[in-house]
Protein backbone atom coordinates (compact mmCIF):
# COMPACT_ATOMS: atom_id res chain seq x y z
CA UNK A 1 -1.86 -22.00 9.57
CA UNK A 2 2.01 -20.37 11.20
CA UNK A 3 3.84 -22.19 8.22
CA UNK A 4 1.52 -20.63 5.72
CA UNK A 5 1.08 -17.06 7.15
CA UNK A 6 5.48 -16.91 7.28
CA UNK A 7 5.53 -18.25 3.41
CA UNK A 8 6.32 -15.37 1.34
CA UNK A 9 5.06 -17.15 -1.40
CA UNK A 10 1.61 -17.58 -0.04
CA UNK A 11 1.43 -13.94 1.02
CA UNK A 12 2.55 -12.92 -2.12
CA UNK A 13 0.27 -15.57 -4.23
CA UNK A 14 -2.75 -14.38 -2.16
CA UNK A 15 -1.73 -10.41 -3.19
CA UNK A 16 -1.68 -11.56 -6.71
CA UNK A 17 -4.85 -13.15 -6.68
CA UNK A 18 -6.85 -10.73 -5.11
CA UNK A 19 -5.67 -7.86 -7.39
CA UNK A 20 -6.72 -10.58 -10.24
CA UNK A 21 -9.94 -10.34 -8.76
CA UNK A 22 -10.06 -6.50 -8.10
CA UNK A 23 -8.83 -5.87 -11.44
CA UNK A 24 -11.81 -8.27 -13.31
CA UNK A 25 -14.24 -6.50 -11.76
CA UNK A 26 -13.72 -3.31 -12.89
CA UNK A 27 -12.98 -4.46 -16.11
CA UNK A 28 -14.51 -8.01 -16.92
CA UNK A 29 -12.37 -8.54 -20.08
CA UNK A 30 -9.71 -9.02 -17.73
CA UNK A 31 -11.11 -12.25 -16.59
CA UNK A 32 -11.12 -13.62 -20.18
CA UNK A 33 -8.85 -16.96 -20.51
CA UNK A 34 -6.28 -15.33 -23.39
CA UNK A 35 -5.92 -12.81 -21.38
CA UNK A 36 -4.48 -14.76 -17.90
CA UNK A 37 -2.43 -16.43 -20.38
CA UNK A 38 -1.04 -13.57 -21.69
CA UNK A 39 0.16 -12.42 -18.29
CA UNK A 40 1.99 -15.91 -18.23
CA UNK A 41 3.48 -15.16 -21.84
CA UNK A 42 4.08 -12.22 -21.03
CA UNK A 43 6.35 -13.09 -17.83
CA UNK A 44 8.32 -15.93 -19.47
CA UNK A 45 11.27 -13.95 -19.90
CA UNK A 46 11.66 -12.32 -16.80
CA UNK A 47 10.72 -15.49 -15.18
CA UNK A 48 13.74 -16.91 -17.08
CA UNK A 49 16.19 -14.09 -15.79
CA UNK A 50 14.83 -14.25 -12.00
CA UNK A 51 15.30 -18.21 -12.03
CA UNK A 52 18.79 -17.79 -12.82
CA UNK A 53 19.26 -14.93 -10.36
CA UNK A 54 17.96 -17.43 -7.73
CA UNK A 55 20.92 -19.19 -7.48
CA UNK A 56 23.69 -16.43 -7.33
CA UNK A 57 21.46 -14.89 -4.64
CA UNK A 58 21.29 -18.29 -3.01
CA UNK A 59 24.78 -18.55 -2.40
CA UNK A 60 24.86 -14.84 -0.95
CA UNK A 61 25.91 -13.34 -4.48
CA UNK A 62 24.81 -10.67 -6.60
CA UNK A 63 24.30 -10.48 -10.59
CA UNK A 64 23.24 -7.11 -12.33
CA UNK A 65 24.66 -8.67 -15.78
CA UNK A 66 22.40 -11.25 -16.46
CA UNK A 67 19.86 -8.45 -18.42
CA UNK A 68 23.36 -7.95 -20.28
CA UNK A 69 23.48 -11.61 -21.04
CA UNK A 70 20.51 -11.75 -22.53
CA UNK A 71 20.94 -9.09 -24.54
CA UNK A 72 24.36 -10.72 -25.98
CA UNK A 73 22.98 -14.00 -26.56
CA UNK A 74 20.05 -12.60 -28.44
CA UNK A 75 22.55 -10.67 -30.95
CA UNK A 76 24.70 -14.09 -31.44
CA UNK A 77 20.65 -15.53 -31.82
CA UNK A 78 19.93 -13.23 -34.13
CA UNK A 79 23.26 -12.80 -36.14
CA UNK A 80 23.91 -16.10 -36.79
CA UNK A 81 20.26 -17.05 -38.21
CA UNK A 82 20.87 -14.14 -40.31
CA UNK A 83 23.94 -15.32 -41.30
CA UNK A 84 22.33 -18.62 -42.66
CA UNK A 85 22.65 -20.95 -39.52
CA UNK A 86 20.11 -23.40 -38.25
CA UNK A 87 17.65 -22.80 -36.41
CA UNK A 88 19.51 -25.71 -34.15
CA UNK A 89 22.59 -24.45 -34.30
CA UNK A 90 22.06 -20.89 -33.71
CA UNK A 91 20.49 -21.65 -30.32
CA UNK A 92 22.86 -24.00 -29.31
CA UNK A 93 25.40 -20.83 -30.08
CA UNK A 94 23.22 -18.37 -27.78
CA UNK A 95 22.94 -21.17 -24.88
CA UNK A 96 26.66 -21.39 -25.19
CA UNK A 97 27.17 -17.62 -25.31
CA UNK A 98 25.18 -17.27 -22.04
CA UNK A 99 27.11 -19.63 -19.83
CA UNK A 100 30.24 -18.11 -20.85
CA UNK A 101 29.57 -14.75 -20.51
CA UNK A 102 28.33 -16.68 -16.89
CA UNK A 103 31.35 -18.37 -16.44
CA UNK A 104 33.45 -15.40 -17.10
CA UNK A 105 31.39 -13.35 -13.91
CA UNK A 106 32.04 -16.88 -12.20
CA UNK A 107 35.88 -16.63 -12.51
CA UNK A 108 36.53 -12.97 -11.58
CA UNK A 109 34.45 -14.06 -8.17
CA UNK A 110 35.29 -17.31 -7.24
CA UNK A 111 39.24 -17.11 -8.45
CA UNK A 112 40.16 -13.69 -8.55
CA UNK A 113 38.03 -13.00 -5.79
CA UNK A 114 36.64 -9.98 -7.25
CA UNK A 115 33.38 -8.96 -5.28
CA UNK A 116 30.23 -9.70 -6.97
CA UNK A 117 28.71 -6.50 -7.33
CA UNK A 118 31.91 -5.34 -9.34
CA UNK A 119 32.74 -7.93 -11.17
CA UNK A 120 28.61 -8.09 -12.68
CA UNK A 121 29.21 -4.15 -13.27
CA UNK A 122 32.09 -4.13 -15.17
CA UNK A 123 31.02 -6.80 -17.46
CA UNK A 124 27.41 -5.82 -17.80
CA UNK A 125 29.08 -2.97 -19.62
CA UNK A 126 31.30 -4.99 -21.61
CA UNK A 127 28.82 -7.30 -22.70
CA UNK A 128 26.67 -3.96 -23.55
CA UNK A 129 29.54 -3.02 -25.39
CA UNK A 130 29.87 -6.55 -27.41
CA UNK A 131 26.20 -6.09 -28.39
CA UNK A 132 27.13 -3.09 -30.28
CA UNK A 133 30.35 -3.92 -31.36
CA UNK A 134 28.83 -7.21 -33.29
CA UNK A 135 25.80 -5.38 -34.72
CA UNK A 136 27.39 -1.96 -35.56
CA UNK A 137 24.72 -0.63 -33.28
CA UNK A 138 21.66 -1.72 -35.29
CA UNK A 139 19.29 -3.85 -34.59
CA UNK A 140 18.61 -6.60 -35.85
CA UNK A 141 15.77 -7.48 -38.22
CA UNK A 142 14.07 -9.63 -40.78
CA UNK A 143 14.79 -12.76 -39.09
CA UNK A 144 13.95 -16.15 -40.23
CA UNK A 145 10.14 -17.04 -40.05
CA UNK A 146 11.80 -20.44 -38.24
CA UNK A 147 12.72 -18.54 -35.17
CA UNK A 148 9.25 -16.94 -34.77
CA UNK A 149 7.27 -19.96 -35.62
CA UNK A 150 7.74 -21.80 -31.75
CA UNK A 151 5.92 -18.35 -30.37
CA UNK A 152 2.69 -19.74 -32.72
CA UNK A 153 2.79 -23.39 -31.55
CA UNK A 154 0.10 -23.99 -28.73
CA UNK A 155 -1.43 -27.32 -26.63
CA UNK A 156 -4.29 -26.88 -24.74
CA UNK A 157 -4.55 -22.88 -25.56
CA UNK A 158 -1.30 -22.49 -23.96
CA UNK A 159 1.43 -21.55 -25.77
CA UNK A 160 4.50 -23.56 -26.62
CA UNK A 161 7.00 -21.32 -24.19
CA UNK A 162 4.34 -21.21 -21.52
CA UNK A 163 5.01 -25.27 -21.61
CA UNK A 164 9.07 -24.72 -21.10
CA UNK A 165 8.46 -22.33 -18.90
CA UNK A 166 6.71 -24.65 -16.76
CA UNK A 167 9.01 -27.39 -16.99
CA UNK A 168 11.96 -25.50 -16.17
CA UNK A 169 10.72 -23.91 -13.43
CA UNK A 170 9.74 -27.99 -12.65
CA UNK A 171 12.71 -29.35 -13.40
CA UNK A 172 14.23 -26.88 -10.70
CA UNK A 173 12.01 -27.15 -8.25
CA UNK A 174 13.17 -30.94 -8.22
CA UNK A 175 16.47 -30.23 -7.88
CA UNK A 176 16.56 -27.72 -5.36
CA UNK A 177 14.26 -29.81 -3.06
CA UNK A 178 15.21 -33.57 -4.08
CA UNK A 179 19.04 -33.57 -5.47
CA UNK A 180 21.78 -32.99 -2.84
CA UNK A 181 24.46 -31.50 -5.01
CA UNK A 182 22.15 -29.01 -5.98
CA UNK A 183 21.44 -28.30 -2.37
CA UNK A 184 25.21 -26.99 -2.05
CA UNK A 185 23.57 -23.71 -3.06
CA UNK A 186 21.64 -23.32 0.00
CA UNK A 187 24.31 -24.62 2.67
CA UNK A 188 27.02 -22.23 0.73
CA UNK A 189 24.41 -18.87 1.02
CA UNK A 190 23.66 -19.89 4.84
CA UNK A 191 27.33 -20.33 6.08
CA UNK A 192 30.17 -20.14 3.71
CA UNK A 193 32.77 -21.07 6.00
CA UNK A 194 30.78 -23.80 7.78
CA UNK A 195 30.42 -25.38 4.38
CA UNK A 196 33.74 -25.40 3.33
CA UNK A 197 34.62 -27.24 6.67
CA UNK A 198 32.23 -29.57 6.19
CA UNK A 199 34.46 -30.57 2.70
CA UNK A 200 31.31 -29.23 0.17
CA UNK A 201 33.15 -27.99 -3.22
CA UNK A 202 32.09 -24.00 -2.32
CA UNK A 203 33.86 -22.25 -5.33
CA UNK A 204 32.66 -24.64 -7.28
CA UNK A 205 28.91 -24.25 -5.96
CA UNK A 206 29.70 -20.28 -6.94
CA UNK A 207 30.93 -21.24 -10.12
CA UNK A 208 27.98 -23.09 -11.24
CA UNK A 209 25.42 -20.75 -9.77
CA UNK A 210 26.65 -17.74 -11.91
CA UNK A 211 27.25 -20.26 -15.19
CA UNK A 212 23.45 -21.01 -14.33
CA UNK A 213 22.60 -17.75 -14.70
CA UNK A 214 24.00 -16.81 -17.49
CA UNK A 215 22.41 -20.08 -19.30
CA UNK A 216 18.55 -19.02 -17.94
CA UNK A 217 19.56 -15.67 -19.36
CA UNK A 218 20.30 -17.36 -22.57
CA UNK A 219 16.95 -18.95 -22.66
CA UNK A 220 14.98 -15.64 -21.58
CA UNK A 221 17.04 -14.41 -24.86
CA UNK A 222 15.77 -17.58 -27.31
CA UNK A 223 11.95 -17.36 -25.87
CA UNK A 224 11.58 -13.19 -25.77
CA UNK A 225 13.70 -13.07 -29.46
CA UNK A 226 10.99 -15.34 -31.07
CA UNK A 227 8.07 -13.48 -29.36
CA UNK A 228 9.12 -9.88 -30.50
CA UNK A 229 10.64 -11.16 -34.05
CA UNK A 230 13.91 -9.07 -33.69
CA UNK A 231 16.60 -8.04 -32.13
CA UNK A 232 17.24 -4.51 -29.84
CA UNK A 233 20.28 -2.91 -28.71
CA UNK A 234 17.88 -2.63 -25.41
CA UNK A 235 17.14 -5.92 -25.41
CA UNK A 236 16.38 -6.92 -21.65
CA UNK A 237 17.69 -3.75 -20.27
CA UNK A 238 16.71 -3.36 -16.96
CA UNK A 239 15.84 -7.25 -16.07
CA UNK A 240 18.61 -7.74 -13.64
CA UNK A 241 17.18 -5.13 -11.46
CA UNK A 242 13.77 -6.46 -11.92
CA UNK A 243 15.26 -9.88 -11.42
CA UNK A 244 16.72 -8.86 -8.20
CA UNK A 245 13.39 -8.03 -6.95
CA UNK A 246 11.33 -10.54 -7.85
CA UNK A 247 13.21 -12.32 -5.93
CA UNK A 248 12.85 -10.25 -2.99
CA UNK A 249 9.32 -10.33 -3.70
CA UNK A 250 9.19 -14.44 -3.58
CA UNK A 251 10.93 -14.91 -0.66
CA UNK A 252 14.74 -15.52 -1.57
CA UNK A 253 16.70 -13.91 0.75
CA UNK A 254 19.87 -11.66 -0.23
CA UNK A 255 21.63 -12.53 2.65
CA UNK A 256 21.53 -16.06 1.14
CA UNK A 257 20.78 -19.83 1.89
CA UNK A 258 16.44 -18.81 1.67
CA UNK A 259 14.10 -19.48 -0.77
CA UNK A 260 12.42 -21.59 -3.90
CA UNK A 261 12.14 -21.40 -7.82
CA UNK A 262 8.76 -21.26 -7.08
CA UNK A 263 8.70 -18.00 -5.14
CA UNK A 264 10.90 -16.75 -7.24
CA UNK A 265 8.82 -17.37 -10.19
CA UNK A 266 5.71 -16.03 -8.18
CA UNK A 267 7.28 -13.07 -7.77
CA UNK A 268 8.01 -12.37 -11.31
CA UNK A 269 4.85 -13.65 -12.65
CA UNK A 270 3.49 -10.61 -9.76
CA UNK A 271 5.23 -8.08 -11.43
CA UNK A 272 4.75 -8.31 -14.57
CA UNK A 273 1.27 -9.05 -13.87
CA UNK A 274 1.11 -5.37 -12.44
CA UNK A 275 1.55 -3.73 -15.55
CA UNK A 276 -1.11 -5.72 -17.08
CA UNK A 277 -3.29 -4.51 -14.68
CA UNK A 278 -2.75 -1.18 -14.48
CA UNK A 279 -3.49 -1.41 -18.21
CA UNK A 280 -7.43 -3.07 -17.87
CA UNK A 281 -7.83 -0.45 -14.96
CA UNK A 282 -6.54 2.47 -17.49
CA UNK A 283 -3.92 3.55 -15.46
CA UNK A 284 -1.65 5.88 -17.47
CA UNK A 285 2.09 3.90 -18.09
CA UNK A 286 3.88 6.42 -15.94
CA UNK A 287 2.96 4.76 -12.90
CA UNK A 288 3.67 1.40 -13.69
CA UNK A 289 7.40 1.38 -12.20
CA UNK A 290 5.73 3.71 -9.52
CA UNK A 291 2.88 1.04 -8.35
CA UNK A 292 5.12 -1.88 -8.53
CA UNK A 293 7.67 -0.07 -6.09
CA UNK A 294 5.01 0.28 -3.80
CA UNK A 295 3.62 -3.22 -3.78
CA UNK A 296 7.09 -4.46 -3.23
CA UNK A 297 7.74 -2.25 -0.30
CA UNK A 298 4.22 -2.98 0.92
CA UNK A 299 4.51 -6.86 0.42
CA UNK A 300 8.05 -6.82 2.47
CA UNK A 301 6.88 -4.95 5.33
CA UNK A 302 3.82 -6.92 5.82
CA UNK A 303 6.10 -10.21 5.47
CA UNK A 304 7.96 -8.38 8.17
CA UNK A 305 5.47 -8.29 10.64
CA UNK A 306 4.24 -10.74 10.48
CA UNK A 307 7.23 -13.07 10.98
CA UNK A 308 7.92 -10.87 14.09
CA UNK A 309 4.41 -11.28 15.65
CA UNK A 310 4.50 -15.08 15.30
CA UNK A 311 8.14 -15.43 16.43
CA UNK A 312 7.04 -13.24 19.15
CA UNK A 313 3.91 -15.20 20.05
CA UNK A 314 6.37 -18.69 19.46
CA UNK A 315 8.73 -17.12 22.10
CA UNK A 316 5.71 -16.39 24.36
CA UNK A 317 4.55 -19.74 24.22
CA UNK A 318 8.03 -21.10 25.35
CA UNK A 319 7.99 -19.14 27.94
CA UNK A 320 4.62 -20.05 29.41
CA UNK A 321 5.70 -23.16 29.05
CA UNK A 322 8.97 -23.34 30.75
CA UNK A 323 6.68 -21.65 33.56
CA UNK A 324 4.17 -24.24 33.74
CA UNK A 325 6.58 -26.64 33.55
CA UNK A 326 8.54 -25.27 36.45
CA UNK A 327 5.53 -24.86 39.12
CA UNK A 328 5.33 -27.59 41.39
CA UNK A 329 2.57 -30.00 40.97
C-alpha cells in the first residue's frame, strides 16, 4: 500500500478515473465509448511530445523547443507532400527533420556546453522562423488525401493512431525498464559525475536524449497533420510547456533520474482529458488552462504531503525498532 501511495502515476490515475466518473454523472453522454476513444485520440500529439521530453528530463535537462520541432517537421511533411513526394518518403523526411533538429540541440548542449534552457530557447525561435521561411508565412492546405486516410482506419473501434501510440508507449517502457543502455538516462540524471566515473557515456546519453525528443516530436507532427489535414503556422505552439507539465504531473522529476514512460503518458492524457471534461460539464473554454493549472498544483501538493507522511512513518518505525532492539532482554 505504501508503494502504491508513493506512486505519482497511481495518484494521477485515481484522480483521472474520479474525474471521469464525476463528468459521466453530470453528463451521461461522456460514458459513451466513442467519447472515451476520442479523448485518447485527441491526446496522442501531447503524449508523443511528452514521451520525447521525458528522455531529456530524465538526464536532468530541459527542452523548450519540442513544440517548434513538431511544427517544423509538420511543415516539411506538408511541403513535400504538396510537391508530389510519396507518403512514405515525406514521412521519412519529417522524421529526419525532427531527429536533425534534436541533434542540433544536442550538439549545442553536449559539445558547446550551452545551458539547455538557453540552447533550446534559441532553437525554438530558429525553428519557428524556418517554418515561416519555408512556407512564406502561409498555411499548408490542400494536402493529398493519402495523409488523411490513416486517421480514418480503425481496429475494434479504436483509431489506427491510438494503436500506434500504444505500441510506441509499450516499446518505450520496455526500453527504459529492460534494456541496459536505456537505463543510462536514469544514471546520468541521478548523478552525472558518478555516471562518468563508472565509465558510462554521459555525453552520448545526453545527445541521444535530445535526438529522441526531436524524433518523438516529429512522430507527433505526422499524427496531428493526419488528424487535421493541414499545417498552420502555430502548429504545436505551446506544447513544450504542456509536455513539461505532463511529465511533472506523471512523476518524472525535474531533478533527473526518476520517472517512467507510463507516468508521462498518464500526465499527458490527464491534461488533454481535462479540456474534454470541461466541455461535457458545460464550463466555458476560457477556464481550461486555469482549471488544468489548479489540478497540476493540487496533485503535486497532495503527492508531496503523502510522501512526507510516509517517510515520517518510516523514520518513526526505524526509531521504535532501534529502541526496542537496544533494550535488554
